[in-house]
Each structure stands twice: as structure tokens, then as C-alpha cells.
C-alpha atoms as a PDB file:
ATOM      1  CA  MET A   1      14.853 -15.461 -30.962  1.00  0.00           C
ATOM      2  CA  ARG A   2      11.237 -15.195 -33.074  1.00  0.00           C
ATOM      3  CA  LYS A   3      11.110 -19.295 -33.394  1.00  0.00           C
ATOM      4  CA  ALA A   4      12.180 -19.823 -29.782  1.00  0.00           C
ATOM      5  CA  PHE A   5       9.274 -18.161 -28.637  1.00  0.00           C
ATOM      6  CA  ILE A   6       6.492 -20.332 -31.191  1.00  0.00           C
ATOM      7  CA  GLN A   7       8.314 -22.783 -29.740  1.00  0.00           C
ATOM      8  CA  LEU A   8       7.704 -21.870 -26.517  1.00  0.00           C
ATOM      9  CA  HIS A   9       3.759 -21.118 -26.727  1.00  0.00           C
ATOM     10  CA  ILE A  10       3.312 -24.649 -28.156  1.00  0.00           C
ATOM     11  CA  ALA A  11       4.656 -25.802 -25.298  1.00  0.00           C
ATOM     12  CA  VAL A  12       2.626 -24.148 -23.317  1.00  0.00           C
ATOM     13  CA  LEU A  13      -0.633 -25.042 -25.211  1.00  0.00           C
ATOM     14  CA  LEU A  14       0.361 -28.867 -25.204  1.00  0.00           C
ATOM     15  CA  ALA A  15       0.615 -28.193 -21.212  1.00  0.00           C
ATOM     16  CA  GLY A  16      -2.462 -26.632 -21.315  1.00  0.00           C
ATOM     17  CA  PHE A  17      -4.005 -30.476 -21.719  1.00  0.00           C
ATOM     18  CA  THR A  18      -1.944 -31.682 -18.158  1.00  0.00           C
ATOM     19  CA  GLY A  19      -4.611 -30.950 -15.951  1.00  0.00           C
ATOM     20  CA  VAL A  20      -7.670 -32.514 -17.805  1.00  0.00           C
ATOM     21  CA  LEU A  21      -5.771 -35.444 -18.539  1.00  0.00           C
ATOM     22  CA  GLY A  22      -5.110 -35.760 -14.725  1.00  0.00           C
ATOM     23  CA  ARG A  23      -8.737 -35.454 -13.963  1.00  0.00           C
ATOM     24  CA  LEU A  24      -9.002 -38.270 -16.288  1.00  0.00           C
ATOM     25  CA  ILE A  25      -6.399 -40.478 -15.211  1.00  0.00           C
ATOM     26  CA  VAL A  26      -8.157 -41.685 -11.629  1.00  0.00           C
ATOM     27  CA  ILE A  27      -5.077 -43.048  -9.675  1.00  0.00           C
ATOM     28  CA  ASN A  28      -3.135 -41.605  -7.305  1.00  0.00           C
ATOM     29  CA  GLU A  29      -1.166 -38.066  -7.873  1.00  0.00           C
ATOM     30  CA  SER A  30       2.137 -39.517  -7.153  1.00  0.00           C
ATOM     31  CA  LEU A  31       1.507 -43.007  -8.793  1.00  0.00           C
ATOM     32  CA  LEU A  32       0.112 -40.664 -11.772  1.00  0.00           C
ATOM     33  CA  VAL A  33       3.593 -39.118 -12.219  1.00  0.00           C
ATOM     34  CA  TRP A  34       5.512 -41.803 -11.492  1.00  0.00           C
ATOM     35  CA  TYR A  35       4.111 -43.964 -14.367  1.00  0.00           C
ATOM     36  CA  ARG A  36       4.148 -40.390 -16.528  1.00  0.00           C
ATOM     37  CA  MET A  37       7.644 -39.782 -16.435  1.00  0.00           C
ATOM     38  CA  MET A  38       8.790 -43.580 -16.342  1.00  0.00           C
ATOM     39  CA  PHE A  39       6.629 -43.794 -20.028  1.00  0.00           C
ATOM     40  CA  ALA A  40       8.312 -40.675 -20.838  1.00  0.00           C
ATOM     41  CA  VAL A  41      11.923 -42.489 -20.509  1.00  0.00           C
ATOM     42  CA  ILE A  42      11.018 -45.361 -22.711  1.00  0.00           C
ATOM     43  CA  ILE A  43       9.478 -42.977 -25.447  1.00  0.00           C
ATOM     44  CA  LEU A  44      12.935 -40.878 -25.096  1.00  0.00           C
ATOM     45  CA  PHE A  45      14.840 -43.950 -25.240  1.00  0.00           C
ATOM     46  CA  ILE A  46      13.253 -45.798 -28.546  1.00  0.00           C
ATOM     47  CA  ILE A  47      13.446 -42.684 -29.755  1.00  0.00           C
ATOM     48  CA  SER A  48      17.033 -42.012 -29.127  1.00  0.00           C
ATOM     49  CA  LEU A  49      17.882 -45.715 -31.122  1.00  0.00           C
ATOM     50  CA  PHE A  50      17.160 -43.845 -34.518  1.00  0.00           C
ATOM     51  CA  SER A  51      18.035 -40.100 -33.440  1.00  0.00           C
ATOM     52  CA  LYS A  52      21.513 -40.805 -31.646  1.00  0.00           C
ATOM     53  CA  LYS A  53      20.904 -37.378 -29.851  1.00  0.00           C
ATOM     54  CA  ILE A  54      20.739 -38.350 -26.566  1.00  0.00           C
ATOM     55  CA  GLU A  55      24.616 -37.845 -25.101  1.00  0.00           C
ATOM     56  CA  LYS A  56      26.682 -40.567 -22.801  1.00  0.00           C
ATOM     57  CA  LEU A  57      27.164 -38.374 -19.864  1.00  0.00           C
ATOM     58  CA  SER A  58      29.747 -39.167 -16.887  1.00  0.00           C
ATOM     59  CA  PHE A  59      27.837 -39.335 -13.428  1.00  0.00           C
ATOM     60  CA  LYS A  60      29.401 -36.397 -12.624  1.00  0.00           C
ATOM     61  CA  LYS A  61      27.654 -34.790 -15.418  1.00  0.00           C
ATOM     62  CA  MET A  62      24.674 -36.400 -14.985  1.00  0.00           C
ATOM     63  CA  LEU A  63      23.687 -35.330 -11.261  1.00  0.00           C
ATOM     64  CA  PRO A  64      22.518 -31.932 -12.183  1.00  0.00           C
ATOM     65  CA  LEU A  65      20.426 -33.141 -14.412  1.00  0.00           C
ATOM     66  CA  LEU A  66      18.443 -36.154 -12.192  1.00  0.00           C
ATOM     67  CA  GLY A  67      18.370 -33.275  -9.169  1.00  0.00           C
ATOM     68  CA  ILE A  68      16.426 -31.049 -11.294  1.00  0.00           C
ATOM     69  CA  GLY A  69      14.432 -33.687 -12.880  1.00  0.00           C
ATOM     70  CA  SER A  70      13.865 -34.616  -8.679  1.00  0.00           C
ATOM     71  CA  ILE A  71      12.472 -30.959  -8.464  1.00  0.00           C
ATOM     72  CA  ILE A  72      10.139 -31.957 -11.592  1.00  0.00           C
ATOM     73  CA  ALA A  73       8.953 -34.941 -10.403  1.00  0.00           C
ATOM     74  CA  LEU A  74       7.941 -32.896  -7.318  1.00  0.00           C
ATOM     75  CA  HIS A  75       6.281 -30.090  -8.929  1.00  0.00           C
ATOM     76  CA  TRP A  76       4.189 -32.535 -11.385  1.00  0.00           C
ATOM     77  CA  VAL A  77       2.960 -35.005  -8.223  1.00  0.00           C
ATOM     78  CA  THR A  78       1.757 -31.416  -5.935  1.00  0.00           C
ATOM     79  CA  PHE A  79       0.173 -30.160  -9.256  1.00  0.00           C
ATOM     80  CA  TYR A  80      -2.204 -33.062  -9.708  1.00  0.00           C
ATOM     81  CA  GLY A  81      -2.639 -33.050  -5.876  1.00  0.00           C
ATOM     82  CA  SER A  82      -4.218 -30.216  -6.552  1.00  0.00           C
ATOM     83  CA  VAL A  83      -6.117 -30.977  -9.340  1.00  0.00           C
ATOM     84  CA  LYS A  84      -7.560 -34.006  -7.125  1.00  0.00           C
ATOM     85  CA  TYR A  85      -8.080 -32.006  -4.232  1.00  0.00           C
ATOM     86  CA  ALA A  86      -9.833 -28.587  -5.990  1.00  0.00           C
ATOM     87  CA  ASN A  87     -10.018 -29.174  -9.723  1.00  0.00           C
ATOM     88  CA  VAL A  88      -7.948 -28.321 -12.939  1.00  0.00           C
ATOM     89  CA  SER A  89      -9.240 -24.658 -13.124  1.00  0.00           C
ATOM     90  CA  VAL A  90      -8.274 -24.036  -9.726  1.00  0.00           C
ATOM     91  CA  SER A  91      -5.016 -25.413  -9.897  1.00  0.00           C
ATOM     92  CA  LEU A  92      -3.569 -24.152 -13.411  1.00  0.00           C
ATOM     93  CA  VAL A  93      -4.676 -20.392 -11.924  1.00  0.00           C
ATOM     94  CA  CYS A  94      -2.401 -21.398  -9.036  1.00  0.00           C
ATOM     95  CA  PHE A  95       0.221 -22.074 -11.250  1.00  0.00           C
ATOM     96  CA  SER A  96       0.371 -18.668 -12.455  1.00  0.00           C
ATOM     97  CA  ALA A  97       1.962 -17.301  -9.642  1.00  0.00           C
ATOM     98  CA  VAL A  98       5.103 -18.836 -11.589  1.00  0.00           C
ATOM     99  CA  GLY A  99       5.867 -15.299 -12.914  1.00  0.00           C
ATOM    100  CA  PHE A 100       6.373 -13.856  -8.786  1.00  0.00           C
ATOM    101  CA  PHE A 101       9.031 -16.875  -7.489  1.00  0.00           C
ATOM    102  CA  SER A 102      10.521 -16.626 -10.836  1.00  0.00           C
ATOM    103  CA  ALA A 103      11.227 -12.824 -10.137  1.00  0.00           C
ATOM    104  CA  ILE A 104      12.404 -13.359  -6.758  1.00  0.00           C
ATOM    105  CA  PHE A 105      14.270 -16.780  -7.200  1.00  0.00           C
ATOM    106  CA  ASP A 106      16.078 -16.325 -10.777  1.00  0.00           C
ATOM    107  CA  PRO A 107      17.715 -13.191 -10.340  1.00  0.00           C
ATOM    108  CA  LEU A 108      19.041 -14.676  -6.937  1.00  0.00           C
ATOM    109  CA  ILE A 109      19.990 -18.365  -8.494  1.00  0.00           C
ATOM    110  CA  SER A 110      21.283 -16.491 -11.805  1.00  0.00           C
ATOM    111  CA  LYS A 111      23.191 -13.789  -9.737  1.00  0.00           C
ATOM    112  CA  ARG A 112      21.972 -10.892 -12.029  1.00  0.00           C
ATOM    113  CA  LYS A 113      20.124  -7.605 -11.274  1.00  0.00           C
ATOM    114  CA  TYR A 114      16.618  -7.591 -10.121  1.00  0.00           C
ATOM    115  CA  GLN A 115      14.048  -6.287 -12.287  1.00  0.00           C
ATOM    116  CA  ILE A 116      11.124  -3.854 -10.848  1.00  0.00           C
ATOM    117  CA  THR A 117       9.162  -4.765 -13.650  1.00  0.00           C
ATOM    118  CA  GLU A 118       9.140  -8.290 -12.795  1.00  0.00           C
ATOM    119  CA  ILE A 119       8.319  -8.111  -9.483  1.00  0.00           C
ATOM    120  CA  LEU A 120       5.389  -6.402 -10.050  1.00  0.00           C
ATOM    121  CA  LEU A 121       4.256  -8.392 -12.885  1.00  0.00           C
ATOM    122  CA  GLY A 122       4.788 -11.102 -10.473  1.00  0.00           C
ATOM    123  CA  LEU A 123       3.043  -9.280  -7.611  1.00  0.00           C
ATOM    124  CA  MET A 124       0.363  -8.808  -9.930  1.00  0.00           C
ATOM    125  CA  VAL A 125      -0.132 -12.704 -10.344  1.00  0.00           C
ATOM    126  CA  MET A 126      -0.311 -12.947  -6.524  1.00  0.00           C
ATOM    127  CA  LEU A 127      -2.661 -10.738  -6.426  1.00  0.00           C
ATOM    128  CA  GLY A 128      -5.118 -13.059  -8.644  1.00  0.00           C
ATOM    129  CA  VAL A 129      -4.278 -15.755  -6.734  1.00  0.00           C
ATOM    130  CA  TYR A 130      -5.107 -13.844  -3.885  1.00  0.00           C
ATOM    131  CA  LEU A 131      -8.509 -13.142  -5.340  1.00  0.00           C
ATOM    132  CA  ILE A 132      -8.854 -16.848  -6.037  1.00  0.00           C
ATOM    133  CA  PHE A 133      -8.017 -18.393  -2.572  1.00  0.00           C
ATOM    134  CA  HIS A 134     -10.793 -16.554  -0.744  1.00  0.00           C
ATOM    135  CA  PHE A 135     -13.394 -17.943  -3.285  1.00  0.00           C
ATOM    136  CA  ASP A 136     -14.254 -21.184  -1.678  1.00  0.00           C
ATOM    137  CA  GLN A 137     -13.213 -22.632   1.416  1.00  0.00           C
ATOM    138  CA  ASP A 138     -13.790 -26.426  -0.216  1.00  0.00           C
ATOM    139  CA  PHE A 139     -10.794 -25.539  -2.143  1.00  0.00           C
ATOM    140  CA  ARG A 140      -7.918 -24.290   0.410  1.00  0.00           C
ATOM    141  CA  LEU A 141      -5.857 -27.881   0.736  1.00  0.00           C
ATOM    142  CA  GLY A 142      -6.129 -27.890  -3.617  1.00  0.00           C
ATOM    143  CA  ILE A 143      -4.502 -24.135  -3.564  1.00  0.00           C
ATOM    144  CA  ILE A 144      -1.658 -25.126  -0.806  1.00  0.00           C
ATOM    145  CA  PHE A 145      -1.121 -27.736  -3.322  1.00  0.00           C
ATOM    146  CA  GLY A 146      -0.743 -25.692  -6.376  1.00  0.00           C
ATOM    147  CA  LEU A 147       1.465 -22.994  -4.734  1.00  0.00           C
ATOM    148  CA  ILE A 148       3.886 -25.945  -3.636  1.00  0.00           C
ATOM    149  CA  SER A 149       3.723 -27.123  -7.484  1.00  0.00           C
ATOM    150  CA  THR A 150       4.604 -23.347  -8.537  1.00  0.00           C
ATOM    151  CA  PHE A 151       7.069 -22.554  -6.428  1.00  0.00           C
ATOM    152  CA  LEU A 152       9.303 -26.271  -7.436  1.00  0.00           C
ATOM    153  CA  ALA A 153       7.616 -25.142 -11.167  1.00  0.00           C
ATOM    154  CA  ALA A 154       9.981 -21.657 -11.056  1.00  0.00           C
ATOM    155  CA  ILE A 155      13.121 -23.090  -9.910  1.00  0.00           C
ATOM    156  CA  PHE A 156      13.941 -25.874 -12.362  1.00  0.00           C
ATOM    157  CA  PRO A 157      13.789 -23.617 -15.534  1.00  0.00           C
ATOM    158  CA  ILE A 158      16.162 -21.302 -13.814  1.00  0.00           C
ATOM    159  CA  PHE A 159      18.358 -24.273 -13.220  1.00  0.00           C
ATOM    160  CA  ASN A 160      18.164 -25.831 -16.604  1.00  0.00           C
ATOM    161  CA  LYS A 161      19.145 -22.168 -18.227  1.00  0.00           C
ATOM    162  CA  LYS A 162      22.172 -23.155 -17.381  1.00  0.00           C
ATOM    163  CA  LEU A 163      22.647 -26.314 -18.940  1.00  0.00           C
ATOM    164  CA  VAL A 164      21.000 -25.823 -22.446  1.00  0.00           C
ATOM    165  CA  SER A 165      24.011 -24.539 -23.600  1.00  0.00           C
ATOM    166  CA  GLU A 166      26.086 -27.423 -22.784  1.00  0.00           C
ATOM    167  CA  TYR A 167      23.464 -30.412 -23.576  1.00  0.00           C
ATOM    168  CA  SER A 168      20.748 -30.880 -26.490  1.00  0.00           C
ATOM    169  CA  ALA A 169      17.583 -30.764 -25.564  1.00  0.00           C
ATOM    170  CA  ASP A 170      17.111 -34.596 -25.719  1.00  0.00           C
ATOM    171  CA  THR A 171      19.723 -35.166 -23.302  1.00  0.00           C
ATOM    172  CA  ILE A 172      18.077 -32.732 -21.018  1.00  0.00           C
ATOM    173  CA  THR A 173      14.688 -34.179 -21.026  1.00  0.00           C
ATOM    174  CA  PHE A 174      15.634 -37.826 -20.954  1.00  0.00           C
ATOM    175  CA  TYR A 175      18.350 -37.734 -18.156  1.00  0.00           C
ATOM    176  CA  GLU A 176      15.642 -35.035 -15.897  1.00  0.00           C
ATOM    177  CA  MET A 177      12.803 -37.426 -16.376  1.00  0.00           C
ATOM    178  CA  GLY A 178      14.810 -40.534 -14.944  1.00  0.00           C
ATOM    179  CA  GLY A 179      15.803 -38.360 -12.367  1.00  0.00           C
ATOM    180  CA  GLY A 180      12.382 -37.724 -11.247  1.00  0.00           C
ATOM    181  CA  TRP A 181      11.540 -41.269 -12.093  1.00  0.00           C
ATOM    182  CA  MET A 182      14.491 -42.722  -9.580  1.00  0.00           C
ATOM    183  CA  LEU A 183      13.238 -40.491  -6.579  1.00  0.00           C
ATOM    184  CA  LEU A 184       9.602 -41.301  -7.209  1.00  0.00           C
ATOM    185  CA  THR A 185      10.354 -44.904  -7.000  1.00  0.00           C
ATOM    186  CA  PHE A 186      11.528 -44.268  -3.138  1.00  0.00           C
ATOM    187  CA  VAL A 187       9.457 -41.487  -2.217  1.00  0.00           C
ATOM    188  CA  VAL A 188       5.892 -42.774  -3.540  1.00  0.00           C
ATOM    189  CA  PRO A 189       5.836 -45.417  -0.994  1.00  0.00           C
ATOM    190  CA  ILE A 190       6.220 -42.966   1.936  1.00  0.00           C
ATOM    191  CA  TYR A 191       3.794 -40.797   0.074  1.00  0.00           C
ATOM    192  CA  MET A 192       0.711 -43.142   0.079  1.00  0.00           C
ATOM    193  CA  GLN A 193       1.290 -43.885   3.543  1.00  0.00           C
ATOM    194  CA  PHE A 194      -0.211 -40.062   3.921  1.00  0.00           C
ATOM    195  CA  MET A 195      -2.316 -39.817   0.598  1.00  0.00           C
ATOM    196  CA  PRO A 196      -3.537 -43.685   0.335  1.00  0.00           C
ATOM    197  CA  ALA A 197      -4.040 -44.929  -3.344  1.00  0.00           C
ATOM    198  CA  GLN A 198      -6.870 -46.750  -4.580  1.00  0.00           C
ATOM    199  CA  SER A 199      -5.260 -48.495  -7.259  1.00  0.00           C
ATOM    200  CA  TYR A 200      -1.533 -49.122  -7.957  1.00  0.00           C
ATOM    201  CA  VAL A 201      -2.216 -50.267 -11.074  1.00  0.00           C
ATOM    202  CA  PRO A 202      -3.813 -48.528 -13.917  1.00  0.00           C
ATOM    203  CA  GLY A 203      -6.307 -49.466 -16.064  1.00  0.00           C
ATOM    204  CA  LEU A 204      -6.475 -49.547 -19.851  1.00  0.00           C
ATOM    205  CA  GLN A 205      -7.725 -46.537 -20.100  1.00  0.00           C
ATOM    206  CA  ASP A 206      -5.226 -44.802 -17.931  1.00  0.00           C
ATOM    207  CA  ILE A 207      -2.716 -46.087 -19.908  1.00  0.00           C
ATOM    208  CA  PHE A 208      -4.109 -45.138 -22.846  1.00  0.00           C
ATOM    209  CA  TRP A 209      -3.828 -41.378 -21.030  1.00  0.00           C
ATOM    210  CA  LEU A 210      -1.058 -41.785 -19.324  1.00  0.00           C
ATOM    211  CA  ILE A 211       0.879 -42.328 -22.786  1.00  0.00           C
ATOM    212  CA  ILE A 212      -0.642 -39.505 -24.474  1.00  0.00           C
ATOM    213  CA  LEU A 213       0.529 -37.348 -21.409  1.00  0.00           C
ATOM    214  CA  SER A 214       3.816 -39.200 -21.475  1.00  0.00           C
ATOM    215  CA  LEU A 215       4.287 -38.554 -25.519  1.00  0.00           C
ATOM    216  CA  PHE A 216       2.907 -34.878 -26.076  1.00  0.00           C
ATOM    217  CA  CYS A 217       2.288 -33.169 -23.028  1.00  0.00           C
ATOM    218  CA  THR A 218       6.099 -34.295 -21.166  1.00  0.00           C
ATOM    219  CA  VAL A 219       8.061 -35.227 -23.953  1.00  0.00           C
ATOM    220  CA  LEU A 220       7.100 -32.554 -26.612  1.00  0.00           C
ATOM    221  CA  ALA A 221       6.513 -30.083 -24.322  1.00  0.00           C
ATOM    222  CA  PHE A 222       9.279 -30.483 -22.132  1.00  0.00           C
ATOM    223  CA  ASN A 223      11.486 -30.471 -25.380  1.00  0.00           C
ATOM    224  CA  LEU A 224      10.115 -27.269 -26.527  1.00  0.00           C
ATOM    225  CA  SER A 225      10.471 -25.454 -23.641  1.00  0.00           C
ATOM    226  CA  VAL A 226      13.884 -26.664 -22.982  1.00  0.00           C
ATOM    227  CA  ARG A 227      14.970 -25.141 -26.460  1.00  0.00           C
ATOM    228  CA  ALA A 228      13.191 -21.864 -25.906  1.00  0.00           C
ATOM    229  CA  LEU A 229      15.031 -21.604 -23.200  1.00  0.00           C
ATOM    230  CA  SER A 230      18.339 -20.906 -25.004  1.00  0.00           C
ATOM    231  CA  ARG A 231      17.094 -18.343 -26.450  1.00  0.00           C
ATOM    232  CA  ILE A 232      14.104 -16.626 -23.675  1.00  0.00           C
ATOM    233  CA  SER A 233      14.874 -15.755 -20.197  1.00  0.00           C
ATOM    234  CA  ALA A 234      13.446 -17.978 -17.723  1.00  0.00           C
ATOM    235  CA  PHE A 235      11.298 -15.298 -16.383  1.00  0.00           C
ATOM    236  CA  THR A 236       9.803 -14.897 -19.828  1.00  0.00           C
ATOM    237  CA  VAL A 237       9.351 -18.644 -20.287  1.00  0.00           C
ATOM    238  CA  ASN A 238       7.650 -18.745 -16.615  1.00  0.00           C
ATOM    239  CA  LEU A 239       5.673 -16.043 -17.047  1.00  0.00           C
ATOM    240  CA  THR A 240       4.428 -17.226 -20.616  1.00  0.00           C
ATOM    241  CA  PHE A 241       3.758 -20.289 -18.804  1.00  0.00           C
ATOM    242  CA  ASN A 242       0.645 -18.544 -17.251  1.00  0.00           C
ATOM    243  CA  LEU A 243      -0.911 -18.834 -20.691  1.00  0.00           C
ATOM    244  CA  GLU A 244      -1.401 -22.673 -19.615  1.00  0.00           C
ATOM    245  CA  PRO A 245      -3.687 -22.058 -17.293  1.00  0.00           C
ATOM    246  CA  VAL A 246      -6.303 -19.894 -19.844  1.00  0.00           C
ATOM    247  CA  TYR A 247      -5.716 -22.793 -22.442  1.00  0.00           C
ATOM    248  CA  GLY A 248      -6.017 -25.413 -19.136  1.00  0.00           C
ATOM    249  CA  ILE A 249      -9.618 -24.161 -17.717  1.00  0.00           C
ATOM    250  CA  LEU A 250     -11.288 -23.178 -21.364  1.00  0.00           C
ATOM    251  CA  LEU A 251     -10.716 -26.818 -22.276  1.00  0.00           C
ATOM    252  CA  ALA A 252     -11.708 -27.816 -18.004  1.00  0.00           C
ATOM    253  CA  PHE A 253     -14.974 -25.715 -18.701  1.00  0.00           C
ATOM    254  CA  LEU A 254     -16.371 -27.371 -22.290  1.00  0.00           C
ATOM    255  CA  ILE A 255     -14.746 -31.154 -20.875  1.00  0.00           C
ATOM    256  CA  TYR A 256     -16.039 -31.210 -16.962  1.00  0.00           C
ATOM    257  CA  LYS A 257     -18.448 -28.124 -17.156  1.00  0.00           C
ATOM    258  CA  GLU A 258     -16.338 -26.169 -13.982  1.00  0.00           C
ATOM    259  CA  HIS A 259     -17.635 -23.380 -14.671  1.00  0.00           C
ATOM    260  CA  LEU A 260     -20.382 -24.092 -12.886  1.00  0.00           C
ATOM    261  CA  GLU A 261     -18.628 -24.276  -9.822  1.00  0.00           C
ATOM    262  CA  LEU A 262     -16.739 -20.945  -9.417  1.00  0.00           C
ATOM    263  CA  GLY A 263     -17.580 -17.610  -8.510  1.00  0.00           C
ATOM    264  CA  PHE A 264     -17.308 -13.853  -9.212  1.00  0.00           C
ATOM    265  CA  SER A 265     -13.595 -13.423  -7.274  1.00  0.00           C
ATOM    266  CA  PHE A 266     -12.809 -17.097  -9.641  1.00  0.00           C
ATOM    267  CA  TYR A 267     -12.755 -14.901 -12.746  1.00  0.00           C
ATOM    268  CA  ALA A 268     -11.410 -11.296 -11.159  1.00  0.00           C
ATOM    269  CA  GLY A 269      -8.284 -12.911  -9.795  1.00  0.00           C
ATOM    270  CA  LEU A 270      -8.363 -14.848 -14.160  1.00  0.00           C
ATOM    271  CA  ILE A 271      -8.677 -11.383 -15.187  1.00  0.00           C
ATOM    272  CA  VAL A 272      -5.926  -9.665 -13.405  1.00  0.00           C
ATOM    273  CA  ILE A 273      -3.494 -12.681 -14.118  1.00  0.00           C
ATOM    274  CA  PHE A 274      -4.137 -12.267 -17.922  1.00  0.00           C
ATOM    275  CA  THR A 275      -3.632  -8.660 -17.781  1.00  0.00           C
ATOM    276  CA  THR A 276      -0.456 -10.231 -16.248  1.00  0.00           C
ATOM    277  CA  VAL A 277       0.242 -12.152 -19.203  1.00  0.00           C
ATOM    278  CA  VAL A 278      -0.488  -9.747 -21.900  1.00  0.00           C
ATOM    279  CA  ILE A 279       1.790  -7.200 -20.334  1.00  0.00           C
ATOM    280  CA  GLN A 280       4.782  -9.346 -20.443  1.00  0.00           C
ATOM    281  CA  SER A 281       3.983 -10.565 -23.952  1.00  0.00           C
ATOM    282  CA  ILE A 282       3.857  -7.314 -25.391  1.00  0.00           C
ATOM    283  CA  ARG A 283       7.387  -6.212 -23.495  1.00  0.00           C
ATOM    284  CA  VAL A 284       8.460  -9.300 -25.192  1.00  0.00           C
ATOM    285  CA  ALA A 285       7.165  -8.668 -28.864  1.00  0.00           C
ATOM    286  CA  LYS A 286       9.003  -5.227 -28.258  1.00  0.00           C
ATOM    287  CA  ASN A 287      12.418  -7.107 -27.586  1.00  0.00           C
ATOM    288  CA  LEU A 288      11.922  -9.296 -30.396  1.00  0.00           C
ATOM    289  CA  ALA A 289      10.975  -6.417 -33.100  1.00  0.00           C
ATOM    290  CA  THR A 290      14.497  -4.343 -31.719  1.00  0.00           C
END
């Protein structure tokens, strides 16, 4: 379990770069995710030629993976929408509500008993998001996108938890990235009727950042988080990912000077969220010790 916990935190650290890269990449958020998932599938396919770790599945077995990949695709589109309609810091803090949604839906889907401690920790995170929600009217559209993204982010690890014992992390990642890419191939033209794009083809700089995003923050980070799910609960995975805002916000402060855009309520909410993560980390550490 200790190895799984280390893998999880590496995945969270890599995920912390996604918001920063999303702001660097100037194309529309739906196209950004379409290219991100396409590059991820290509990278995984090339790797599989050497590793032979991706299994060939029948359509019936493939279908659940493609469905989960579709949820992931929609999660990423709304996440990057939040980045572009608010900023990196706001979108990442909204993502912290994943613990609340996970505490509600994980027992429902997994058919296990509700844990009062998990619900209380999730509510603490929502308090932090509530404090931030009221700090600036200009960011409300981005916050709405962020909360939709967070709801979707809480769902897919719960479904993945059921699959990690059946398939390898490489197989799961490949088919889910492929499923998300196929969905977006149909959805993106409709989405852009409401959220128009200025450019449809990324420039050389965008292509470079998309490859970095796909290789490290998608293929590697997603693979590590799936491996961690085989030993750690979906709630713990989701709540640990609340550290993603901490890493991402620090990067946003350093690179984009976003601290100049944020007020007291933002930092108050951030402290509440960070405290929640620390409490859950201590709980998990005690379980590891026993």
C-alpha cells in the first residue's frame, strides 16, 4: 500500500501542471482535450509496440472502458473551460470539491456504507469552495465549469476501481483515452457552436505543450493513479487529489502572478481545503502504519 500511496502522490504532482499548461495552450478547451487524448492514444500505442502490455478486448469488455473515458473527456473539457473563463487558481480550487462528491457517490455506486468522517471532510472542502465562490463575480462562470468538472472527476475513479483487478493500468488508460477521444470527435463541433474557437489547428508551440501534457500529465499521471486505485480507496484517491490545487496554484502564482488577482476569501477557502487534505492524509498514514 505504501508504494501505491507514493504512486498516487507522483500522479497528483504531475496533475498539478495541467492547469498551467492549459493556460499556455491557446486553443479552445474542447479542441485542447481532443488533441490531448489523441496524442495520449498515439503515445500509448507506440509504447505498446514494445511493452506488449495493452490487451486486445472484445467490444463487450471494451464498452465500459470507453464509457469511463467519455466521462474523463467531459471532465477535462469543463476543467479547461474553468481555466479559461476564470483562471488556473480558481479552477484548481473548485476541483477540491471532488472529496465531497466522492463521499456521496462512492458508497452509492460501490454499495458500501456511508462514512460520516468522509462526508464531514467533504463538507469542509465545500465550505472552502463556498468562501471562494463569493470572492469575485467575474469568475462565476469559471466556477460553474469547475464544479461540473469536479463532479465528473469524482465519478470516474469509482467506476475504475471496479476494473483495476481485471485489466492492467496500460490497458485501462489506452481504451479510456480512446473512448474519450471518440466521444469528443462527435461532441466538439456541437460544443463550438456555443463556445466558438478562434483557431482549429494548434501552432508549433501549442503542439509542443500538448505533447508534454499528453505524455507526462495524461499517460504517466493517469497510469500511476490507476495503479494506486488497486490498493487505495476511490475516496482517498479523490481527496488526495485535492493537493493538485496546492501544486497548481503555487505554479500559477509563480508563472502568471495570479496572487495579484485574488483576495482574502480565496486564501481562507484554500486554508480550509488544505486542512481537510492534511486530516485525511493523517488518517491514511495511520492505516498504513497498522
